[in-house]
Amino acid sequence: MKYSNSEFIVERYYRLKKWLVEKDVPILPQNGKRFWSDLDVLAVGDEVHLISCKDFLPSNKEIDRVIQNLENAEEYIKKEYNYLKNKTFKKIYVYGGSGKISIEKAQKNGIETIDLKDLLAKYFKELDRYLSKMNLGRKDIKKGQRYYIVGELEGLDKFMSFLLNHNFINDETVNNLLEKNRIDRLSKPK
């Protein structure tokens, strides 16, 4: 199965926050309903986040499926993962492209909507926090870079840390998105 950009970023964001993450969670029929689906991302930390990810939503009709899928997922997870039922549940729709009507409809149905570019900025901040903590007190960071050690990072995290460390990412764009979301700016290069 191909990963969408939004699923990939969502997964890495929550893992950096030290949440437990499960992808493609099967949602099986409940109460005699005839359906089968899956939840894109289940993230468990202080709360339980049920996340539907779409790089692009081709029509406003598709949002009805997203809404129903998140409703079914909440019902299923509460029943099948009994130990989570006392936690606060939050339904989230992360989108790369979506119409205004779809976003408003999701919000009216109690679903938090997050633009992928905003989540990407939050991901960069989590990665920056992690790497800054790992490199705390280091004196051998080269001028113009943020980090010396990138540790045991793999995949996207390692690649993005390289981009951040070598100024391939426009800090001002990321910092503007972080500011919009009331999050501290990225650390500055040395």
N, C-alpha and C. Protein backbone atom coordinates (compact mmCIF):
# COMPACT_ATOMS: atom_id res chain seq x y z
N MET A 1 0.84 -1.18 0.00
CA MET A 1 0.00 0.00 0.00
C MET A 1 0.89 1.25 0.00
N LYS A 2 0.55 2.23 -0.81
CA LYS A 2 1.30 3.46 -0.87
C LYS A 2 0.93 4.35 0.32
N TYR A 3 1.93 5.01 0.85
CA TYR A 3 1.70 5.96 1.93
C TYR A 3 1.38 7.31 1.33
N SER A 4 0.45 8.00 1.93
CA SER A 4 0.20 9.37 1.51
C SER A 4 1.15 10.29 2.27
N ASN A 5 1.40 11.47 1.73
CA ASN A 5 2.24 12.44 2.42
C ASN A 5 1.68 12.75 3.80
N SER A 6 0.37 12.95 3.87
CA SER A 6 -0.23 13.31 5.14
C SER A 6 -0.09 12.20 6.18
N GLU A 7 -0.29 10.94 5.79
CA GLU A 7 -0.12 9.83 6.74
C GLU A 7 1.32 9.76 7.24
N PHE A 8 2.25 9.95 6.34
CA PHE A 8 3.67 9.86 6.69
C PHE A 8 4.04 10.94 7.71
N ILE A 9 3.61 12.17 7.47
CA ILE A 9 3.92 13.28 8.38
C ILE A 9 3.20 13.09 9.71
N VAL A 10 1.94 12.70 9.67
CA VAL A 10 1.18 12.46 10.91
C VAL A 10 1.87 11.42 11.77
N GLU A 11 2.24 10.30 11.16
CA GLU A 11 2.90 9.23 11.91
C GLU A 11 4.19 9.73 12.57
N ARG A 12 5.04 10.38 11.82
CA ARG A 12 6.32 10.85 12.36
C ARG A 12 6.12 11.91 13.43
N TYR A 13 5.17 12.79 13.25
CA TYR A 13 4.88 13.84 14.24
C TYR A 13 4.52 13.22 15.60
N TYR A 14 3.60 12.27 15.58
CA TYR A 14 3.18 11.65 16.85
C TYR A 14 4.28 10.79 17.46
N ARG A 15 5.05 10.12 16.65
CA ARG A 15 6.16 9.31 17.19
C ARG A 15 7.21 10.20 17.86
N LEU A 16 7.50 11.35 17.28
CA LEU A 16 8.44 12.28 17.91
C LEU A 16 7.89 12.82 19.23
N LYS A 17 6.58 12.89 19.35
CA LYS A 17 5.95 13.32 20.60
C LYS A 17 5.90 12.19 21.63
N LYS A 18 6.41 11.01 21.22
CA LYS A 18 6.45 9.81 22.08
C LYS A 18 5.06 9.20 22.33
N TRP A 19 4.17 9.36 21.38
CA TRP A 19 2.86 8.72 21.44
C TRP A 19 2.98 7.35 20.78
N LEU A 20 2.13 6.43 21.17
CA LEU A 20 2.03 5.14 20.50
C LEU A 20 1.22 5.35 19.22
N VAL A 21 1.71 4.81 18.12
CA VAL A 21 1.07 5.05 16.83
C VAL A 21 0.84 3.72 16.13
N GLU A 22 -0.36 3.55 15.62
CA GLU A 22 -0.72 2.39 14.81
C GLU A 22 -1.33 2.93 13.52
N LYS A 23 -0.86 2.40 12.39
CA LYS A 23 -1.39 2.83 11.09
C LYS A 23 -2.31 1.77 10.51
N ASP A 24 -3.23 2.22 9.70
CA ASP A 24 -4.15 1.34 8.98
C ASP A 24 -4.85 0.35 9.92
N VAL A 25 -5.47 0.88 10.95
CA VAL A 25 -6.18 0.05 11.93
C VAL A 25 -7.50 -0.42 11.32
N PRO A 26 -7.72 -1.75 11.23
CA PRO A 26 -8.97 -2.22 10.65
C PRO A 26 -10.16 -1.85 11.53
N ILE A 27 -11.21 -1.36 10.91
CA ILE A 27 -12.45 -1.02 11.60
C ILE A 27 -13.49 -2.00 11.08
N LEU A 28 -13.85 -2.93 11.93
CA LEU A 28 -14.74 -4.02 11.53
C LEU A 28 -16.20 -3.68 11.84
N PRO A 29 -17.14 -4.38 11.22
CA PRO A 29 -18.56 -4.07 11.40
C PRO A 29 -18.99 -4.10 12.87
N GLN A 30 -19.88 -3.17 13.23
CA GLN A 30 -20.46 -3.08 14.57
C GLN A 30 -21.98 -3.06 14.44
N ASN A 31 -22.67 -3.61 15.41
CA ASN A 31 -24.13 -3.54 15.51
C ASN A 31 -24.84 -3.93 14.21
N GLY A 32 -24.38 -5.00 13.57
CA GLY A 32 -25.03 -5.49 12.36
C GLY A 32 -24.78 -4.67 11.11
N LYS A 33 -23.99 -3.63 11.21
CA LYS A 33 -23.69 -2.82 10.02
C LYS A 33 -22.82 -3.63 9.08
N ARG A 34 -22.96 -3.40 7.81
CA ARG A 34 -22.15 -4.11 6.82
C ARG A 34 -21.16 -3.15 6.21
N PHE A 35 -20.02 -3.08 6.80
CA PHE A 35 -18.96 -2.24 6.25
C PHE A 35 -17.63 -2.78 6.74
N TRP A 36 -16.63 -2.40 6.06
CA TRP A 36 -15.26 -2.65 6.52
C TRP A 36 -14.45 -1.48 6.04
N SER A 37 -13.63 -1.00 6.92
CA SER A 37 -12.78 0.13 6.55
C SER A 37 -11.54 0.08 7.42
N ASP A 38 -10.75 1.11 7.34
CA ASP A 38 -9.62 1.22 8.25
C ASP A 38 -9.44 2.68 8.65
N LEU A 39 -8.80 2.85 9.77
CA LEU A 39 -8.45 4.17 10.28
C LEU A 39 -7.02 4.43 9.87
N ASP A 40 -6.76 5.57 9.26
CA ASP A 40 -5.41 5.85 8.77
C ASP A 40 -4.39 5.82 9.90
N VAL A 41 -4.66 6.56 10.98
CA VAL A 41 -3.70 6.61 12.09
C VAL A 41 -4.46 6.65 13.42
N LEU A 42 -4.04 5.78 14.33
CA LEU A 42 -4.50 5.80 15.72
C LEU A 42 -3.29 6.22 16.55
N ALA A 43 -3.41 7.33 17.27
CA ALA A 43 -2.31 7.82 18.10
C ALA A 43 -2.80 7.90 19.55
N VAL A 44 -2.02 7.29 20.44
CA VAL A 44 -2.41 7.23 21.85
C VAL A 44 -1.32 7.87 22.69
N GLY A 45 -1.71 8.89 23.41
CA GLY A 45 -0.83 9.59 24.35
C GLY A 45 -1.71 10.01 25.52
N ASP A 46 -1.71 11.29 25.84
CA ASP A 46 -2.61 11.79 26.88
C ASP A 46 -4.06 11.61 26.47
N GLU A 47 -4.29 11.64 25.17
CA GLU A 47 -5.61 11.44 24.59
C GLU A 47 -5.51 10.35 23.53
N VAL A 48 -6.65 10.00 22.96
CA VAL A 48 -6.68 9.07 21.83
C VAL A 48 -7.08 9.89 20.61
N HIS A 49 -6.21 9.93 19.61
CA HIS A 49 -6.50 10.67 18.39
C HIS A 49 -6.78 9.68 17.26
N LEU A 50 -7.95 9.84 16.67
CA LEU A 50 -8.37 9.06 15.52
C LEU A 50 -8.21 9.98 14.31
N ILE A 51 -7.31 9.61 13.39
CA ILE A 51 -6.90 10.55 12.36
C ILE A 51 -7.16 9.99 10.96
N SER A 52 -7.89 10.76 10.20
CA SER A 52 -8.10 10.47 8.78
C SER A 52 -7.20 11.41 7.99
N CYS A 53 -6.44 10.87 7.06
CA CYS A 53 -5.46 11.64 6.29
C CYS A 53 -5.80 11.61 4.81
N LYS A 54 -5.85 12.77 4.22
CA LYS A 54 -6.09 12.87 2.79
C LYS A 54 -5.14 13.89 2.20
N ASP A 55 -4.36 13.47 1.20
CA ASP A 55 -3.52 14.43 0.50
C ASP A 55 -4.39 15.37 -0.33
N PHE A 56 -5.49 14.84 -0.83
CA PHE A 56 -6.40 15.64 -1.62
C PHE A 56 -7.77 15.00 -1.56
N LEU A 57 -8.78 15.78 -1.29
CA LEU A 57 -10.15 15.29 -1.26
C LEU A 57 -10.84 15.74 -2.54
N PRO A 58 -11.10 14.80 -3.46
CA PRO A 58 -11.57 15.19 -4.79
C PRO A 58 -12.95 15.84 -4.85
N SER A 59 -13.83 15.57 -3.87
CA SER A 59 -15.15 16.19 -3.91
C SER A 59 -15.69 16.36 -2.50
N ASN A 60 -16.66 17.25 -2.39
CA ASN A 60 -17.27 17.47 -1.08
C ASN A 60 -18.06 16.25 -0.61
N LYS A 61 -18.48 15.38 -1.52
CA LYS A 61 -19.19 14.16 -1.14
C LYS A 61 -18.28 13.21 -0.35
N GLU A 62 -17.00 13.25 -0.67
CA GLU A 62 -16.04 12.36 0.00
C GLU A 62 -15.92 12.65 1.49
N ILE A 63 -16.19 13.88 1.91
CA ILE A 63 -16.06 14.22 3.32
C ILE A 63 -17.07 13.44 4.16
N ASP A 64 -18.20 13.08 3.57
CA ASP A 64 -19.19 12.27 4.30
C ASP A 64 -18.59 10.92 4.69
N ARG A 65 -17.79 10.35 3.80
CA ARG A 65 -17.12 9.08 4.11
C ARG A 65 -16.09 9.25 5.22
N VAL A 66 -15.36 10.35 5.18
CA VAL A 66 -14.37 10.64 6.22
C VAL A 66 -15.07 10.76 7.57
N ILE A 67 -16.16 11.52 7.61
CA ILE A 67 -16.92 11.72 8.85
C ILE A 67 -17.45 10.38 9.37
N GLN A 68 -18.06 9.59 8.49
CA GLN A 68 -18.61 8.30 8.91
C GLN A 68 -17.51 7.36 9.36
N ASN A 69 -16.39 7.35 8.67
CA ASN A 69 -15.28 6.48 9.03
C ASN A 69 -14.76 6.83 10.42
N LEU A 70 -14.64 8.11 10.73
CA LEU A 70 -14.16 8.51 12.05
C LEU A 70 -15.18 8.16 13.14
N GLU A 71 -16.47 8.28 12.83
CA GLU A 71 -17.51 7.86 13.79
C GLU A 71 -17.40 6.36 14.05
N ASN A 72 -17.31 5.58 12.97
CA ASN A 72 -17.19 4.12 13.11
C ASN A 72 -15.92 3.74 13.86
N ALA A 73 -14.84 4.45 13.58
CA ALA A 73 -13.56 4.17 14.25
C ALA A 73 -13.67 4.41 15.74
N GLU A 74 -14.31 5.52 16.13
CA GLU A 74 -14.44 5.81 17.57
C GLU A 74 -15.27 4.73 18.26
N GLU A 75 -16.37 4.35 17.65
CA GLU A 75 -17.22 3.29 18.22
C GLU A 75 -16.43 1.98 18.35
N TYR A 76 -15.72 1.62 17.31
CA TYR A 76 -14.96 0.37 17.30
C TYR A 76 -13.81 0.37 18.32
N ILE A 77 -13.03 1.45 18.34
CA ILE A 77 -11.87 1.52 19.23
C ILE A 77 -12.34 1.48 20.69
N LYS A 78 -13.39 2.21 21.02
CA LYS A 78 -13.91 2.20 22.41
C LYS A 78 -14.37 0.81 22.82
N LYS A 79 -14.94 0.08 21.88
CA LYS A 79 -15.43 -1.27 22.20
C LYS A 79 -14.29 -2.29 22.26
N GLU A 80 -13.42 -2.27 21.27
CA GLU A 80 -12.39 -3.30 21.15
C GLU A 80 -11.13 -3.03 21.97
N TYR A 81 -10.86 -1.78 22.26
CA TYR A 81 -9.69 -1.40 23.06
C TYR A 81 -10.21 -0.82 24.38
N ASN A 82 -10.82 -1.68 25.16
CA ASN A 82 -11.52 -1.29 26.37
C ASN A 82 -10.69 -0.42 27.30
N TYR A 83 -9.40 -0.67 27.38
CA TYR A 83 -8.53 0.08 28.28
C TYR A 83 -8.37 1.55 27.86
N LEU A 84 -8.82 1.91 26.67
CA LEU A 84 -8.72 3.30 26.21
C LEU A 84 -10.01 4.09 26.44
N LYS A 85 -11.08 3.41 26.80
CA LYS A 85 -12.39 4.05 26.82
C LYS A 85 -12.50 5.23 27.78
N ASN A 86 -11.67 5.29 28.82
CA ASN A 86 -11.73 6.40 29.77
C ASN A 86 -10.88 7.59 29.36
N LYS A 87 -10.15 7.46 28.27
CA LYS A 87 -9.36 8.58 27.76
C LYS A 87 -10.25 9.50 26.91
N THR A 88 -9.80 10.71 26.74
CA THR A 88 -10.49 11.65 25.86
C THR A 88 -10.18 11.27 24.41
N PHE A 89 -11.21 11.16 23.60
CA PHE A 89 -11.07 10.84 22.19
C PHE A 89 -11.21 12.12 21.37
N LYS A 90 -10.37 12.22 20.34
CA LYS A 90 -10.44 13.36 19.44
C LYS A 90 -10.36 12.83 18.01
N LYS A 91 -11.30 13.29 17.18
CA LYS A 91 -11.30 12.92 15.77
C LYS A 91 -10.65 14.07 14.99
N ILE A 92 -9.72 13.70 14.11
CA ILE A 92 -8.93 14.69 13.38
C ILE A 92 -8.90 14.34 11.89
N TYR A 93 -9.04 15.37 11.07
CA TYR A 93 -8.93 15.23 9.63
C TYR A 93 -7.74 16.08 9.18
N VAL A 94 -6.68 15.42 8.68
CA VAL A 94 -5.50 16.12 8.17
C VAL A 94 -5.60 16.09 6.64
N TYR A 95 -5.49 17.27 6.04
CA TYR A 95 -5.69 17.35 4.59
C TYR A 95 -4.58 18.15 3.93
N GLY A 96 -4.23 17.73 2.73
CA GLY A 96 -3.28 18.47 1.91
C GLY A 96 -4.02 19.43 1.00
N GLY A 97 -5.18 19.01 0.54
CA GLY A 97 -6.04 19.85 -0.29
C GLY A 97 -7.47 19.45 -0.04
N SER A 98 -8.30 20.43 0.26
CA SER A 98 -9.69 20.13 0.56
C SER A 98 -10.50 21.40 0.37
N GLY A 99 -11.73 21.24 -0.06
CA GLY A 99 -12.59 22.40 -0.25
C GLY A 99 -13.07 22.98 1.07
N LYS A 100 -13.39 24.26 1.04
CA LYS A 100 -13.85 24.96 2.24
C LYS A 100 -15.12 24.32 2.81
N ILE A 101 -16.01 23.89 1.94
CA ILE A 101 -17.27 23.27 2.38
C ILE A 101 -16.97 21.97 3.13
N SER A 102 -16.03 21.18 2.62
CA SER A 102 -15.65 19.92 3.29
C SER A 102 -15.08 20.18 4.67
N ILE A 103 -14.21 21.16 4.77
CA ILE A 103 -13.58 21.49 6.05
C ILE A 103 -14.63 21.94 7.05
N GLU A 104 -15.53 22.82 6.61
CA GLU A 104 -16.59 23.32 7.49
C GLU A 104 -17.51 22.18 7.94
N LYS A 105 -17.83 21.28 7.02
CA LYS A 105 -18.71 20.16 7.36
C LYS A 105 -18.05 19.25 8.40
N ALA A 106 -16.76 18.97 8.23
CA ALA A 106 -16.03 18.16 9.21
C ALA A 106 -16.06 18.84 10.58
N GLN A 107 -15.78 20.14 10.60
CA GLN A 107 -15.76 20.88 11.86
C GLN A 107 -17.13 20.87 12.53
N LYS A 108 -18.21 21.01 11.74
CA LYS A 108 -19.57 20.98 12.29
C LYS A 108 -19.89 19.62 12.90
N ASN A 109 -19.16 18.58 12.48
CA ASN A 109 -19.37 17.23 13.00
C ASN A 109 -18.38 16.90 14.12
N GLY A 110 -17.77 17.92 14.71
CA GLY A 110 -16.88 17.73 15.85
C GLY A 110 -15.50 17.20 15.51
N ILE A 111 -15.08 17.38 14.28
CA ILE A 111 -13.78 16.89 13.83
C ILE A 111 -12.83 18.08 13.73
N GLU A 112 -11.67 17.95 14.36
CA GLU A 112 -10.64 18.97 14.23
C GLU A 112 -10.01 18.83 12.85
N THR A 113 -9.84 19.93 12.16
CA THR A 113 -9.22 19.89 10.83
C THR A 113 -7.85 20.56 10.90
N ILE A 114 -6.87 19.93 10.26
CA ILE A 114 -5.50 20.44 10.28
C ILE A 114 -4.95 20.42 8.86
N ASP A 115 -4.55 21.58 8.39
CA ASP A 115 -3.90 21.68 7.08
C ASP A 115 -2.54 21.00 7.18
N LEU A 116 -2.19 20.21 6.19
CA LEU A 116 -0.94 19.46 6.21
C LEU A 116 0.27 20.38 6.39
N LYS A 117 0.26 21.55 5.78
CA LYS A 117 1.42 22.43 5.93
C LYS A 117 1.58 22.90 7.38
N ASP A 118 0.48 23.08 8.10
CA ASP A 118 0.56 23.44 9.53
C ASP A 118 1.12 22.28 10.33
N LEU A 119 0.67 21.08 10.02
CA LEU A 119 1.18 19.90 10.73
C LEU A 119 2.66 19.66 10.40
N LEU A 120 3.04 19.93 9.16
CA LEU A 120 4.44 19.79 8.78
C LEU A 120 5.32 20.74 9.59
N ALA A 121 4.85 21.97 9.79
CA ALA A 121 5.61 22.93 10.61
C ALA A 121 5.71 22.41 12.05
N LYS A 122 4.64 21.85 12.58
CA LYS A 122 4.68 21.28 13.94
C LYS A 122 5.64 20.10 14.00
N TYR A 123 5.65 19.29 12.95
CA TYR A 123 6.59 18.17 12.87
C TYR A 123 8.03 18.68 12.92
N PHE A 124 8.32 19.73 12.13
CA PHE A 124 9.68 20.30 12.15
C PHE A 124 10.04 20.77 13.56
N LYS A 125 9.09 21.36 14.26
CA LYS A 125 9.37 21.84 15.62
C LYS A 125 9.66 20.66 16.55
N GLU A 126 8.89 19.58 16.45
CA GLU A 126 9.15 18.40 17.29
C GLU A 126 10.51 17.80 16.98
N LEU A 127 10.86 17.73 15.70
CA LEU A 127 12.16 17.21 15.29
C LEU A 127 13.27 18.12 15.81
N ASP A 128 13.08 19.42 15.71
CA ASP A 128 14.05 20.39 16.20
C ASP A 128 14.24 20.25 17.72
N ARG A 129 13.15 20.09 18.46
CA ARG A 129 13.24 19.89 19.92
C ARG A 129 14.05 18.65 20.25
N TYR A 130 13.74 17.58 19.55
CA TYR A 130 14.41 16.31 19.79
C TYR A 130 15.92 16.44 19.54
N LEU A 131 16.26 17.02 18.39
CA LEU A 131 17.67 17.16 18.03
C LEU A 131 18.39 18.18 18.90
N SER A 132 17.72 19.26 19.27
CA SER A 132 18.33 20.26 20.14
C SER A 132 18.63 19.65 21.51
N LYS A 133 17.73 18.82 22.00
CA LYS A 133 17.94 18.14 23.28
C LYS A 133 19.13 17.18 23.19
N MET A 134 19.20 16.46 22.07
CA MET A 134 20.28 15.51 21.85
C MET A 134 21.64 16.21 21.75
N ASN A 135 21.65 17.43 21.24
CA ASN A 135 22.89 18.18 21.01
C ASN A 135 23.16 19.24 22.07
N LEU A 136 22.40 19.21 23.14
CA LEU A 136 22.55 20.19 24.22
C LEU A 136 23.98 20.21 24.75
N GLY A 137 24.57 21.40 24.80
CA GLY A 137 25.91 21.56 25.37
C GLY A 137 27.05 21.23 24.44
N ARG A 138 26.77 20.80 23.23
CA ARG A 138 27.85 20.45 22.29
C ARG A 138 28.54 21.72 21.81
N LYS A 139 29.85 21.67 21.76
CA LYS A 139 30.66 22.82 21.32
C LYS A 139 31.17 22.64 19.89
N ASP A 140 30.93 21.45 19.30
CA ASP A 140 31.50 21.15 17.99
C ASP A 140 30.51 21.30 16.83
N ILE A 141 29.42 22.03 17.06
CA ILE A 141 28.47 22.28 15.98
C ILE A 141 29.04 23.36 15.08
N LYS A 142 29.11 23.06 13.80
CA LYS A 142 29.71 24.00 12.84
C LYS A 142 28.88 25.27 12.71
N LYS A 143 29.54 26.35 12.41
CA LYS A 143 28.86 27.62 12.19
C LYS A 143 27.84 27.44 11.06
N GLY A 144 26.64 27.96 11.26
CA GLY A 144 25.58 27.85 10.26
C GLY A 144 24.73 26.61 10.39
N GLN A 145 25.09 25.70 11.32
CA GLN A 145 24.30 24.49 11.52
C GLN A 145 23.64 24.50 12.89
N ARG A 146 22.68 23.61 13.08
CA ARG A 146 21.95 23.52 14.34
C ARG A 146 22.42 22.33 15.18
N TYR A 147 22.79 21.26 14.53
CA TYR A 147 23.04 20.00 15.23
C TYR A 147 24.35 19.39 14.76
N TYR A 148 24.93 18.58 15.62
CA TYR A 148 26.11 17.80 15.25
C TYR A 148 25.71 16.34 15.15
N ILE A 149 24.99 15.87 16.15
CA ILE A 149 24.58 14.46 16.21
C ILE A 149 23.14 14.34 15.74
N VAL A 150 22.87 13.41 14.84
CA VAL A 150 21.50 13.12 14.45
C VAL A 150 21.08 11.74 14.95
N GLY A 151 21.96 11.12 15.73
CA GLY A 151 21.62 9.90 16.45
C GLY A 151 21.15 8.76 15.59
N GLU A 152 20.22 8.07 16.13
CA GLU A 152 19.69 6.86 15.49
C GLU A 152 18.50 7.15 14.60
N LEU A 153 18.40 8.37 14.10
CA LEU A 153 17.28 8.72 13.25
C LEU A 153 17.30 7.87 11.97
N GLU A 154 16.11 7.64 11.45
CA GLU A 154 15.97 6.90 10.20
C GLU A 154 14.99 7.61 9.30
N GLY A 155 14.99 7.21 8.06
CA GLY A 155 13.97 7.63 7.11
C GLY A 155 13.74 9.12 7.05
N LEU A 156 12.47 9.49 7.14
CA LEU A 156 12.07 10.88 7.01
C LEU A 156 12.76 11.77 8.03
N ASP A 157 12.84 11.32 9.29
CA ASP A 157 13.45 12.15 10.34
C ASP A 157 14.91 12.46 10.02
N LYS A 158 15.64 11.47 9.56
CA LYS A 158 17.05 11.69 9.22
C LYS A 158 17.18 12.64 8.04
N PHE A 159 16.36 12.45 7.02
CA PHE A 159 16.39 13.30 5.84
C PHE A 159 16.01 14.75 6.20
N MET A 160 14.94 14.92 6.97
CA MET A 160 14.50 16.27 7.34
C MET A 160 15.51 16.95 8.25
N SER A 161 16.16 16.19 9.13
CA SER A 161 17.18 16.80 9.99
C SER A 161 18.35 17.30 9.14
N PHE A 162 18.69 16.57 8.08
CA PHE A 162 19.73 17.01 7.15
C PHE A 162 19.32 18.33 6.49
N LEU A 163 18.07 18.39 6.02
CA LEU A 163 17.58 19.61 5.38
C LEU A 163 17.59 20.79 6.35
N LEU A 164 17.13 20.56 7.57
CA LEU A 164 17.15 21.63 8.58
C LEU A 164 18.57 22.08 8.90
N ASN A 165 19.45 21.10 9.08
CA ASN A 165 20.81 21.39 9.51
C ASN A 165 21.63 22.12 8.44
N HIS A 166 21.28 21.93 7.18
CA HIS A 166 22.04 22.54 6.09
C HIS A 166 21.27 23.66 5.39
N ASN A 167 20.26 24.17 6.09
CA ASN A 167 19.51 25.34 5.63
C ASN A 167 18.83 25.16 4.28
N PHE A 168 18.37 23.96 3.98
CA PHE A 168 17.62 23.73 2.75
C PHE A 168 16.13 24.02 2.95
N ILE A 169 15.74 24.24 4.19
CA ILE A 169 14.35 24.53 4.51
C ILE A 169 14.26 26.00 4.88
N ASN A 170 13.26 26.68 4.36
CA ASN A 170 13.07 28.10 4.64
C ASN A 170 12.53 28.27 6.05
N ASP A 171 13.42 28.63 6.97
CA ASP A 171 13.03 28.79 8.37
C ASP A 171 11.89 29.78 8.55
N GLU A 172 11.90 30.85 7.78
CA GLU A 172 10.89 31.89 7.96
C GLU A 172 9.50 31.36 7.64
N THR A 173 9.38 30.57 6.59
CA THR A 173 8.09 29.97 6.24
C THR A 173 7.62 29.06 7.37
N VAL A 174 8.51 28.20 7.86
CA VAL A 174 8.16 27.28 8.95
C VAL A 174 7.82 28.08 10.20
N ASN A 175 8.64 29.07 10.55
CA ASN A 175 8.39 29.86 11.75
C ASN A 175 7.09 30.65 11.68
N ASN A 176 6.72 31.13 10.50
CA ASN A 176 5.44 31.82 10.35
C ASN A 176 4.27 30.88 10.63
N LEU A 177 4.37 29.64 10.14
CA LEU A 177 3.32 28.66 10.40
C LEU A 177 3.29 28.28 11.89
N LEU A 178 4.45 28.16 12.51
CA LEU A 178 4.50 27.86 13.94
C LEU A 178 3.89 29.00 14.75
N GLU A 179 4.23 30.22 14.39
CA GLU A 179 3.68 31.39 15.08
C GLU A 179 2.16 31.42 14.95
N LYS A 180 1.66 31.14 13.75
CA LYS A 180 0.21 31.09 13.50
C LYS A 180 -0.46 30.08 14.43
N ASN A 181 0.25 28.99 14.75
CA ASN A 181 -0.27 27.94 15.63
C ASN A 181 0.17 28.11 17.08
N ARG A 182 0.73 29.29 17.40
CA ARG A 182 1.17 29.64 18.76
C ARG A 182 2.21 28.66 19.30
N ILE A 183 3.20 28.35 18.46
CA ILE A 183 4.29 27.44 18.83
C ILE A 183 5.59 28.20 18.65
N ASP A 184 6.55 27.96 19.55
CA ASP A 184 7.86 28.63 19.48
C ASP A 184 8.53 28.38 18.14
N ARG A 185 9.38 29.32 17.76
CA ARG A 185 10.14 29.23 16.52
C ARG A 185 11.16 28.10 16.58
N LEU A 186 11.68 27.70 15.42
CA LEU A 186 12.76 26.73 15.36
C LEU A 186 14.00 27.31 16.03
N SER A 187 14.88 26.44 16.49
CA SER A 187 16.15 26.92 17.04
C SER A 187 16.96 27.57 15.92
N LYS A 188 17.88 28.43 16.29
CA LYS A 188 18.68 29.14 15.28
C LYS A 188 19.98 28.37 15.03
N PRO A 189 20.45 28.42 13.78
CA PRO A 189 21.78 27.84 13.51
C PRO A 189 22.83 28.57 14.32
N LYS A 190 23.93 27.90 14.63
CA LYS A 190 25.04 28.49 15.41
C LYS A 190 25.75 29.54 14.62
